[in-house]
Amino acid sequence: MPSRDTYELLADLLRRLDDPGVRVLWLHGPAGAGKSAIMHTLCQRLQDTGRLGGSFFFKRGHPTRNNGRILFATLAHQLGIFEPSLKCSISRRVEANPTLVSDSIASQLRELVVEPCRLASGCGLRILIIDGLDECAGVPVQQELLRCIADIFCSHHALPGPANVPLQPLG
């Protein structure tokens, strides 16, 4: 049975995700604190309300779930499922460049996630959940993922919304 603190944290996460000025939230805490369980529950709540765009849960030692190089291709695939208006745009990009799914992490993020979302009309706000980045194989890949995410959200024209993105630690 989840504790009262867990319910309060979930409520706080959902409240913060309702704020249009919030672009990135970072849940941190010690190993074994239940962060992944909270993120699974958050994903379910977001899916139930039609706000989930995709999720990726890294898992140390797993042959695919520890691979940061497939993160954005996986999220793009899920975005196409959860937001049908994005499916055609993402598919066209992959058909035009079949190697895109194995290109650099920055290229995948830009071409498979950012640009389709930026160009989509009538696309609702979809939330992407990335859990357990520290379980991604290789510190250099972890750093590259963080750098790419920061670069996209801190650029002035990459996505609609505020140009300066507050990274809000929770926990």
N, C-alpha and C. Protein backbone atom coordinates (compact mmCIF):
# COMPACT_ATOMS: atom_id res chain seq x y z
N MET A 1 0.84 -1.19 0.00
CA MET A 1 0.00 0.00 0.00
C MET A 1 0.89 1.24 0.00
N PRO A 2 0.70 2.12 -0.98
CA PRO A 2 1.51 3.34 -1.03
C PRO A 2 1.28 4.22 0.20
N SER A 3 2.34 4.88 0.63
CA SER A 3 2.24 5.74 1.80
C SER A 3 1.59 7.07 1.44
N ARG A 4 1.24 7.80 2.46
CA ARG A 4 0.66 9.14 2.26
C ARG A 4 1.65 10.03 1.52
N ASP A 5 2.94 9.89 1.86
CA ASP A 5 3.97 10.68 1.18
C ASP A 5 3.97 10.39 -0.33
N THR A 6 3.76 9.13 -0.70
CA THR A 6 3.73 8.75 -2.12
C THR A 6 2.55 9.43 -2.81
N TYR A 7 1.39 9.38 -2.18
CA TYR A 7 0.21 10.05 -2.76
C TYR A 7 0.44 11.55 -2.89
N GLU A 8 1.06 12.15 -1.88
CA GLU A 8 1.34 13.58 -1.94
C GLU A 8 2.33 13.90 -3.05
N LEU A 9 3.36 13.06 -3.22
CA LEU A 9 4.33 13.28 -4.29
C LEU A 9 3.67 13.14 -5.65
N LEU A 10 2.81 12.13 -5.84
CA LEU A 10 2.09 11.98 -7.11
C LEU A 10 1.22 13.19 -7.38
N ALA A 11 0.52 13.65 -6.37
CA ALA A 11 -0.34 14.84 -6.53
C ALA A 11 0.51 16.05 -6.89
N ASP A 12 1.68 16.18 -6.26
CA ASP A 12 2.57 17.30 -6.56
C ASP A 12 3.08 17.21 -8.00
N LEU A 13 3.46 16.03 -8.44
CA LEU A 13 3.91 15.85 -9.82
C LEU A 13 2.81 16.24 -10.80
N LEU A 14 1.61 15.76 -10.58
CA LEU A 14 0.50 16.07 -11.48
C LEU A 14 0.19 17.56 -11.48
N ARG A 15 0.26 18.19 -10.32
CA ARG A 15 0.04 19.64 -10.22
C ARG A 15 1.09 20.39 -11.03
N ARG A 16 2.35 20.00 -10.87
CA ARG A 16 3.42 20.67 -11.60
C ARG A 16 3.30 20.46 -13.11
N LEU A 17 2.85 19.28 -13.51
CA LEU A 17 2.69 18.99 -14.93
C LEU A 17 1.54 19.78 -15.54
N ASP A 18 0.64 20.29 -14.71
CA ASP A 18 -0.45 21.14 -15.19
C ASP A 18 0.02 22.56 -15.47
N ASP A 19 1.17 22.94 -14.94
CA ASP A 19 1.70 24.29 -15.12
C ASP A 19 2.32 24.40 -16.51
N PRO A 20 1.77 25.26 -17.39
CA PRO A 20 2.29 25.37 -18.76
C PRO A 20 3.73 25.88 -18.83
N GLY A 21 4.22 26.49 -17.76
CA GLY A 21 5.59 26.98 -17.74
C GLY A 21 6.62 25.91 -17.41
N VAL A 22 6.15 24.77 -16.95
CA VAL A 22 7.06 23.69 -16.57
C VAL A 22 7.31 22.81 -17.78
N ARG A 23 8.57 22.61 -18.11
CA ARG A 23 8.93 21.80 -19.27
C ARG A 23 9.68 20.54 -18.87
N VAL A 24 10.41 20.59 -17.76
CA VAL A 24 11.20 19.45 -17.33
C VAL A 24 11.05 19.32 -15.82
N LEU A 25 10.75 18.12 -15.37
CA LEU A 25 10.75 17.81 -13.94
C LEU A 25 11.76 16.69 -13.72
N TRP A 26 12.43 16.74 -12.61
CA TRP A 26 13.45 15.75 -12.32
C TRP A 26 13.17 15.18 -10.94
N LEU A 27 12.81 13.92 -10.88
CA LEU A 27 12.58 13.23 -9.61
C LEU A 27 13.87 12.52 -9.24
N HIS A 28 14.39 12.83 -8.08
CA HIS A 28 15.63 12.19 -7.65
C HIS A 28 15.50 11.72 -6.21
N GLY A 29 16.34 10.80 -5.85
CA GLY A 29 16.35 10.26 -4.50
C GLY A 29 17.27 9.07 -4.45
N PRO A 30 17.46 8.51 -3.28
CA PRO A 30 18.38 7.38 -3.14
C PRO A 30 17.83 6.12 -3.81
N ALA A 31 18.74 5.21 -4.13
CA ALA A 31 18.34 3.92 -4.71
C ALA A 31 17.38 3.23 -3.76
N GLY A 32 16.36 2.62 -4.33
CA GLY A 32 15.39 1.88 -3.53
C GLY A 32 14.32 2.74 -2.88
N ALA A 33 14.28 4.01 -3.22
CA ALA A 33 13.31 4.91 -2.59
C ALA A 33 11.92 4.80 -3.22
N GLY A 34 11.80 4.09 -4.35
CA GLY A 34 10.50 3.93 -4.98
C GLY A 34 10.23 4.88 -6.14
N LYS A 35 11.28 5.50 -6.67
CA LYS A 35 11.09 6.45 -7.77
C LYS A 35 10.46 5.78 -8.99
N SER A 36 10.93 4.60 -9.35
CA SER A 36 10.38 3.91 -10.53
C SER A 36 8.93 3.52 -10.31
N ALA A 37 8.59 3.09 -9.12
CA ALA A 37 7.19 2.75 -8.83
C ALA A 37 6.31 3.98 -8.97
N ILE A 38 6.80 5.11 -8.49
CA ILE A 38 6.05 6.36 -8.62
C ILE A 38 5.90 6.73 -10.09
N MET A 39 6.96 6.57 -10.87
CA MET A 39 6.89 6.91 -12.29
C MET A 39 5.93 5.98 -13.04
N HIS A 40 5.91 4.70 -12.68
CA HIS A 40 4.96 3.77 -13.31
C HIS A 40 3.52 4.22 -13.01
N THR A 41 3.27 4.58 -11.76
CA THR A 41 1.93 5.05 -11.39
C THR A 41 1.60 6.36 -12.11
N LEU A 42 2.57 7.26 -12.19
CA LEU A 42 2.35 8.52 -12.90
C LEU A 42 2.03 8.25 -14.37
N CYS A 43 2.76 7.35 -15.00
CA CYS A 43 2.48 6.99 -16.40
C CYS A 43 1.05 6.50 -16.56
N GLN A 44 0.61 5.65 -15.66
CA GLN A 44 -0.75 5.12 -15.74
C GLN A 44 -1.78 6.24 -15.61
N ARG A 45 -1.55 7.15 -14.68
CA ARG A 45 -2.48 8.27 -14.51
C ARG A 45 -2.50 9.17 -15.74
N LEU A 46 -1.32 9.42 -16.31
CA LEU A 46 -1.26 10.25 -17.51
C LEU A 46 -1.91 9.56 -18.70
N GLN A 47 -1.71 8.26 -18.80
CA GLN A 47 -2.35 7.51 -19.89
C GLN A 47 -3.87 7.52 -19.73
N ASP A 48 -4.33 7.35 -18.51
CA ASP A 48 -5.77 7.36 -18.24
C ASP A 48 -6.42 8.69 -18.62
N THR A 49 -5.66 9.78 -18.55
CA THR A 49 -6.20 11.10 -18.87
C THR A 49 -5.79 11.58 -20.27
N GLY A 50 -5.15 10.69 -21.05
CA GLY A 50 -4.79 11.02 -22.42
C GLY A 50 -3.64 12.00 -22.54
N ARG A 51 -2.77 12.07 -21.54
CA ARG A 51 -1.67 13.04 -21.57
C ARG A 51 -0.30 12.39 -21.76
N LEU A 52 -0.23 11.06 -21.71
CA LEU A 52 1.05 10.39 -21.85
C LEU A 52 1.45 10.34 -23.32
N GLY A 53 2.66 10.80 -23.60
CA GLY A 53 3.20 10.72 -24.96
C GLY A 53 4.06 9.49 -25.13
N GLY A 54 4.71 9.06 -24.06
CA GLY A 54 5.57 7.89 -24.11
C GLY A 54 6.39 7.78 -22.84
N SER A 55 6.95 6.62 -22.64
CA SER A 55 7.79 6.41 -21.46
C SER A 55 8.90 5.43 -21.79
N PHE A 56 9.99 5.59 -21.09
CA PHE A 56 11.12 4.67 -21.22
C PHE A 56 11.69 4.47 -19.83
N PHE A 57 11.78 3.22 -19.42
CA PHE A 57 12.30 2.86 -18.11
C PHE A 57 13.60 2.10 -18.30
N PHE A 58 14.71 2.79 -18.05
CA PHE A 58 16.01 2.13 -18.16
C PHE A 58 16.12 1.05 -17.10
N LYS A 59 16.84 -0.02 -17.45
CA LYS A 59 17.08 -1.10 -16.50
C LYS A 59 18.49 -1.63 -16.71
N ARG A 60 19.30 -1.48 -15.69
CA ARG A 60 20.69 -1.91 -15.75
C ARG A 60 20.79 -3.39 -16.11
N GLY A 61 21.67 -3.71 -17.07
CA GLY A 61 21.92 -5.09 -17.43
C GLY A 61 20.94 -5.68 -18.43
N HIS A 62 19.85 -4.99 -18.73
CA HIS A 62 18.88 -5.48 -19.70
C HIS A 62 19.40 -5.19 -21.10
N PRO A 63 19.27 -6.13 -22.04
CA PRO A 63 19.87 -5.93 -23.36
C PRO A 63 19.33 -4.74 -24.16
N THR A 64 18.09 -4.36 -23.97
CA THR A 64 17.57 -3.21 -24.71
C THR A 64 17.22 -2.04 -23.78
N ARG A 65 16.78 -2.33 -22.58
CA ARG A 65 16.34 -1.26 -21.70
C ARG A 65 17.49 -0.53 -21.01
N ASN A 66 18.73 -0.90 -21.31
CA ASN A 66 19.84 -0.11 -20.79
C ASN A 66 20.53 0.66 -21.91
N ASN A 67 19.92 0.65 -23.10
CA ASN A 67 20.52 1.23 -24.30
C ASN A 67 19.96 2.64 -24.56
N GLY A 68 20.73 3.65 -24.23
CA GLY A 68 20.29 5.03 -24.43
C GLY A 68 20.16 5.42 -25.89
N ARG A 69 20.78 4.65 -26.77
CA ARG A 69 20.74 5.00 -28.20
C ARG A 69 19.40 4.67 -28.85
N ILE A 70 18.53 3.96 -28.13
CA ILE A 70 17.19 3.68 -28.67
C ILE A 70 16.10 4.48 -27.96
N LEU A 71 16.50 5.32 -27.02
CA LEU A 71 15.53 6.07 -26.22
C LEU A 71 14.57 6.88 -27.09
N PHE A 72 15.09 7.74 -27.96
CA PHE A 72 14.21 8.66 -28.69
C PHE A 72 13.46 7.98 -29.82
N ALA A 73 14.03 6.94 -30.41
CA ALA A 73 13.27 6.17 -31.41
C ALA A 73 12.08 5.48 -30.73
N THR A 74 12.31 4.97 -29.53
CA THR A 74 11.23 4.33 -28.77
C THR A 74 10.15 5.34 -28.40
N LEU A 75 10.56 6.50 -27.89
CA LEU A 75 9.59 7.53 -27.52
C LEU A 75 8.82 8.03 -28.75
N ALA A 76 9.51 8.15 -29.88
CA ALA A 76 8.82 8.58 -31.11
C ALA A 76 7.78 7.56 -31.53
N HIS A 77 8.12 6.29 -31.44
CA HIS A 77 7.16 5.22 -31.77
C HIS A 77 5.92 5.35 -30.88
N GLN A 78 6.14 5.55 -29.59
CA GLN A 78 5.02 5.68 -28.67
C GLN A 78 4.21 6.95 -28.92
N LEU A 79 4.90 8.04 -29.24
CA LEU A 79 4.19 9.28 -29.58
C LEU A 79 3.25 9.05 -30.76
N GLY A 80 3.72 8.29 -31.75
CA GLY A 80 2.89 7.98 -32.91
C GLY A 80 1.66 7.16 -32.56
N ILE A 81 1.78 6.35 -31.53
CA ILE A 81 0.64 5.54 -31.06
C ILE A 81 -0.32 6.40 -30.24
N PHE A 82 0.22 7.15 -29.27
CA PHE A 82 -0.61 7.92 -28.35
C PHE A 82 -1.16 9.20 -28.99
N GLU A 83 -0.47 9.73 -30.00
CA GLU A 83 -0.90 10.96 -30.66
C GLU A 83 -0.92 10.71 -32.17
N PRO A 84 -2.04 10.20 -32.68
CA PRO A 84 -2.11 9.83 -34.10
C PRO A 84 -1.73 10.94 -35.07
N SER A 85 -1.91 12.20 -34.68
CA SER A 85 -1.54 13.29 -35.58
C SER A 85 -0.03 13.35 -35.82
N LEU A 86 0.75 12.71 -34.98
CA LEU A 86 2.21 12.69 -35.14
C LEU A 86 2.69 11.48 -35.94
N LYS A 87 1.87 10.46 -36.02
CA LYS A 87 2.29 9.21 -36.64
C LYS A 87 2.78 9.41 -38.08
N CYS A 88 2.04 10.13 -38.89
CA CYS A 88 2.42 10.34 -40.30
C CYS A 88 3.73 11.10 -40.41
N SER A 89 3.88 12.15 -39.62
CA SER A 89 5.09 12.96 -39.67
C SER A 89 6.32 12.14 -39.29
N ILE A 90 6.20 11.37 -38.24
CA ILE A 90 7.33 10.54 -37.79
C ILE A 90 7.62 9.47 -38.83
N SER A 91 6.58 8.82 -39.33
CA SER A 91 6.77 7.77 -40.34
C SER A 91 7.42 8.30 -41.60
N ARG A 92 6.99 9.47 -42.07
CA ARG A 92 7.59 10.07 -43.27
C ARG A 92 9.08 10.33 -43.08
N ARG A 93 9.45 10.79 -41.91
CA ARG A 93 10.86 11.07 -41.64
C ARG A 93 11.69 9.78 -41.67
N VAL A 94 11.16 8.71 -41.13
CA VAL A 94 11.89 7.44 -41.13
C VAL A 94 11.94 6.85 -42.55
N GLU A 95 10.84 6.97 -43.29
CA GLU A 95 10.84 6.47 -44.67
C GLU A 95 11.84 7.24 -45.53
N ALA A 96 11.94 8.54 -45.31
CA ALA A 96 12.87 9.37 -46.08
C ALA A 96 14.32 9.09 -45.69
N ASN A 97 14.53 8.68 -44.46
CA ASN A 97 15.88 8.41 -43.96
C ASN A 97 15.84 7.20 -43.04
N PRO A 98 15.86 5.98 -43.61
CA PRO A 98 15.74 4.77 -42.78
C PRO A 98 16.84 4.61 -41.74
N THR A 99 17.98 5.26 -41.92
CA THR A 99 19.05 5.15 -40.93
C THR A 99 18.86 6.09 -39.75
N LEU A 100 17.81 6.90 -39.80
CA LEU A 100 17.56 7.88 -38.75
C LEU A 100 17.48 7.22 -37.37
N VAL A 101 16.89 6.04 -37.29
CA VAL A 101 16.74 5.38 -35.99
C VAL A 101 18.07 4.91 -35.41
N SER A 102 19.13 4.94 -36.22
CA SER A 102 20.45 4.59 -35.70
C SER A 102 21.42 5.77 -35.78
N ASP A 103 20.91 6.95 -36.13
CA ASP A 103 21.73 8.16 -36.17
C ASP A 103 22.11 8.58 -34.76
N SER A 104 22.76 9.71 -34.66
CA SER A 104 23.18 10.23 -33.35
C SER A 104 21.96 10.47 -32.46
N ILE A 105 22.19 10.47 -31.19
CA ILE A 105 21.13 10.73 -30.22
C ILE A 105 20.50 12.11 -30.48
N ALA A 106 21.33 13.10 -30.74
CA ALA A 106 20.82 14.45 -31.00
C ALA A 106 19.93 14.48 -32.24
N SER A 107 20.36 13.80 -33.28
CA SER A 107 19.59 13.75 -34.53
C SER A 107 18.25 13.05 -34.30
N GLN A 108 18.27 11.94 -33.58
CA GLN A 108 17.02 11.22 -33.30
C GLN A 108 16.06 12.09 -32.51
N LEU A 109 16.55 12.76 -31.49
CA LEU A 109 15.67 13.62 -30.69
C LEU A 109 15.07 14.71 -31.56
N ARG A 110 15.92 15.37 -32.33
CA ARG A 110 15.45 16.49 -33.17
C ARG A 110 14.47 16.01 -34.24
N GLU A 111 14.84 14.98 -34.99
CA GLU A 111 14.06 14.56 -36.16
C GLU A 111 12.85 13.69 -35.83
N LEU A 112 12.94 12.90 -34.77
CA LEU A 112 11.85 11.97 -34.46
C LEU A 112 10.88 12.49 -33.40
N VAL A 113 11.33 13.42 -32.58
CA VAL A 113 10.47 13.91 -31.50
C VAL A 113 10.19 15.40 -31.64
N VAL A 114 11.23 16.21 -31.64
CA VAL A 114 11.05 17.66 -31.58
C VAL A 114 10.36 18.21 -32.82
N GLU A 115 10.91 17.93 -33.99
CA GLU A 115 10.33 18.50 -35.21
C GLU A 115 8.90 18.04 -35.47
N PRO A 116 8.59 16.75 -35.36
CA PRO A 116 7.19 16.37 -35.54
C PRO A 116 6.25 17.07 -34.56
N CYS A 117 6.67 17.21 -33.31
CA CYS A 117 5.82 17.90 -32.32
C CYS A 117 5.70 19.38 -32.64
N ARG A 118 6.80 19.99 -33.06
CA ARG A 118 6.78 21.42 -33.37
C ARG A 118 5.88 21.72 -34.56
N LEU A 119 5.88 20.83 -35.55
CA LEU A 119 5.13 21.07 -36.78
C LEU A 119 3.67 20.60 -36.70
N ALA A 120 3.34 19.81 -35.71
CA ALA A 120 1.99 19.26 -35.61
C ALA A 120 0.98 20.34 -35.25
N SER A 121 -0.14 20.29 -35.93
CA SER A 121 -1.23 21.19 -35.56
C SER A 121 -2.32 20.36 -34.91
N GLY A 122 -2.91 20.90 -33.89
CA GLY A 122 -3.96 20.18 -33.20
C GLY A 122 -3.45 19.08 -32.30
N CYS A 123 -2.16 19.06 -32.07
CA CYS A 123 -1.56 18.04 -31.22
C CYS A 123 -1.61 18.53 -29.79
N GLY A 124 -2.19 17.74 -28.92
CA GLY A 124 -2.24 18.10 -27.52
C GLY A 124 -0.88 17.95 -26.86
N LEU A 125 -0.73 18.54 -25.71
CA LEU A 125 0.51 18.41 -24.96
C LEU A 125 0.65 16.97 -24.48
N ARG A 126 1.72 16.35 -24.84
CA ARG A 126 2.00 14.98 -24.42
C ARG A 126 3.24 14.98 -23.54
N ILE A 127 3.18 14.21 -22.48
CA ILE A 127 4.27 14.15 -21.52
C ILE A 127 5.10 12.90 -21.77
N LEU A 128 6.41 13.09 -21.78
CA LEU A 128 7.34 11.98 -21.95
C LEU A 128 8.02 11.72 -20.61
N ILE A 129 8.04 10.46 -20.21
CA ILE A 129 8.65 10.05 -18.95
C ILE A 129 9.90 9.23 -19.25
N ILE A 130 11.02 9.63 -18.67
CA ILE A 130 12.27 8.87 -18.77
C ILE A 130 12.68 8.54 -17.35
N ASP A 131 12.81 7.26 -17.06
CA ASP A 131 13.09 6.82 -15.69
C ASP A 131 14.40 6.04 -15.66
N GLY A 132 15.16 6.24 -14.61
CA GLY A 132 16.35 5.43 -14.37
C GLY A 132 17.51 5.73 -15.29
N LEU A 133 17.70 6.98 -15.65
CA LEU A 133 18.79 7.32 -16.56
C LEU A 133 20.14 6.82 -16.05
N ASP A 134 20.30 6.76 -14.74
CA ASP A 134 21.56 6.26 -14.18
C ASP A 134 21.76 4.77 -14.46
N GLU A 135 20.73 4.08 -14.92
CA GLU A 135 20.84 2.66 -15.27
C GLU A 135 21.14 2.45 -16.75
N CYS A 136 21.23 3.54 -17.49
CA CYS A 136 21.62 3.49 -18.90
C CYS A 136 23.10 3.10 -18.97
N ALA A 137 23.44 2.20 -19.86
CA ALA A 137 24.82 1.73 -19.98
C ALA A 137 25.73 2.84 -20.48
N GLY A 138 26.76 3.15 -19.71
CA GLY A 138 27.78 4.09 -20.13
C GLY A 138 27.53 5.52 -19.72
N VAL A 139 28.39 6.04 -18.89
CA VAL A 139 28.29 7.43 -18.45
C VAL A 139 28.33 8.40 -19.64
N PRO A 140 29.17 8.15 -20.67
CA PRO A 140 29.16 9.08 -21.80
C PRO A 140 27.79 9.17 -22.50
N VAL A 141 27.08 8.05 -22.59
CA VAL A 141 25.75 8.07 -23.21
C VAL A 141 24.77 8.82 -22.31
N GLN A 142 24.86 8.60 -21.00
CA GLN A 142 24.01 9.34 -20.06
C GLN A 142 24.24 10.84 -20.22
N GLN A 143 25.51 11.24 -20.29
CA GLN A 143 25.83 12.65 -20.43
C GLN A 143 25.32 13.21 -21.76
N GLU A 144 25.44 12.42 -22.83
CA GLU A 144 24.96 12.86 -24.14
C GLU A 144 23.45 13.05 -24.12
N LEU A 145 22.73 12.12 -23.51
CA LEU A 145 21.27 12.24 -23.40
C LEU A 145 20.90 13.52 -22.66
N LEU A 146 21.52 13.76 -21.53
CA LEU A 146 21.22 14.97 -20.76
C LEU A 146 21.56 16.23 -21.54
N ARG A 147 22.70 16.21 -22.22
CA ARG A 147 23.11 17.38 -23.01
C ARG A 147 22.10 17.65 -24.13
N CYS A 148 21.67 16.61 -24.82
CA CYS A 148 20.71 16.78 -25.93
C CYS A 148 19.37 17.31 -25.42
N ILE A 149 18.90 16.76 -24.33
CA ILE A 149 17.63 17.23 -23.75
C ILE A 149 17.76 18.69 -23.33
N ALA A 150 18.85 19.01 -22.64
CA ALA A 150 19.05 20.40 -22.21
C ALA A 150 19.16 21.34 -23.40
N ASP A 151 19.89 20.93 -24.43
CA ASP A 151 20.04 21.78 -25.62
C ASP A 151 18.69 22.07 -26.27
N ILE A 152 17.85 21.05 -26.40
CA ILE A 152 16.55 21.24 -27.03
C ILE A 152 15.66 22.17 -26.21
N PHE A 153 15.59 21.93 -24.92
CA PHE A 153 14.68 22.71 -24.10
C PHE A 153 15.19 24.10 -23.78
N CYS A 154 16.47 24.33 -23.92
CA CYS A 154 17.02 25.65 -23.63
C CYS A 154 17.15 26.50 -24.88
N SER A 155 16.94 25.90 -26.06
CA SER A 155 17.00 26.72 -27.27
C SER A 155 15.76 27.60 -27.32
N HIS A 156 15.87 28.71 -27.98
CA HIS A 156 14.77 29.68 -27.97
C HIS A 156 13.63 29.34 -28.90
N HIS A 157 13.84 28.43 -29.85
CA HIS A 157 12.79 28.18 -30.83
C HIS A 157 12.48 26.70 -31.05
N ALA A 158 13.05 25.82 -30.26
CA ALA A 158 12.87 24.40 -30.51
C ALA A 158 11.43 23.95 -30.28
N LEU A 159 10.85 24.38 -29.22
CA LEU A 159 9.49 23.96 -28.88
C LEU A 159 8.70 25.17 -28.40
N PRO A 160 7.38 25.10 -28.55
CA PRO A 160 6.57 26.20 -28.04
C PRO A 160 6.68 26.27 -26.52
N GLY A 161 6.55 27.45 -25.99
CA GLY A 161 6.62 27.62 -24.54
C GLY A 161 7.79 28.49 -24.14
N PRO A 162 8.05 28.57 -22.87
CA PRO A 162 9.10 29.46 -22.38
C PRO A 162 10.48 29.03 -22.87
N ALA A 163 11.33 30.00 -23.15
CA ALA A 163 12.67 29.71 -23.65
C ALA A 163 13.58 29.23 -22.53
N ASN A 164 13.41 29.75 -21.35
CA ASN A 164 14.25 29.29 -20.25
C ASN A 164 13.47 28.24 -19.48
N VAL A 165 14.04 27.06 -19.39
CA VAL A 165 13.32 25.93 -18.82
C VAL A 165 13.83 25.66 -17.42
N PRO A 166 12.99 25.83 -16.43
CA PRO A 166 13.45 25.52 -15.08
C PRO A 166 13.51 24.00 -14.90
N LEU A 167 14.63 23.51 -14.41
CA LEU A 167 14.74 22.10 -14.06
C LEU A 167 14.32 22.03 -12.60
N GLN A 168 13.19 21.40 -12.36
CA GLN A 168 12.64 21.40 -11.02
C GLN A 168 12.86 20.05 -10.34
N PRO A 169 13.83 19.98 -9.45
CA PRO A 169 14.01 18.72 -8.71
C PRO A 169 12.83 18.47 -7.79
N LEU A 170 12.44 17.23 -7.71
CA LEU A 170 11.38 16.81 -6.79
C LEU A 170 11.96 15.75 -5.88
N GLY A 171 11.44 15.65 -4.70
CA GLY A 171 11.86 14.55 -3.84
C GLY A 171 12.61 15.02 -2.64
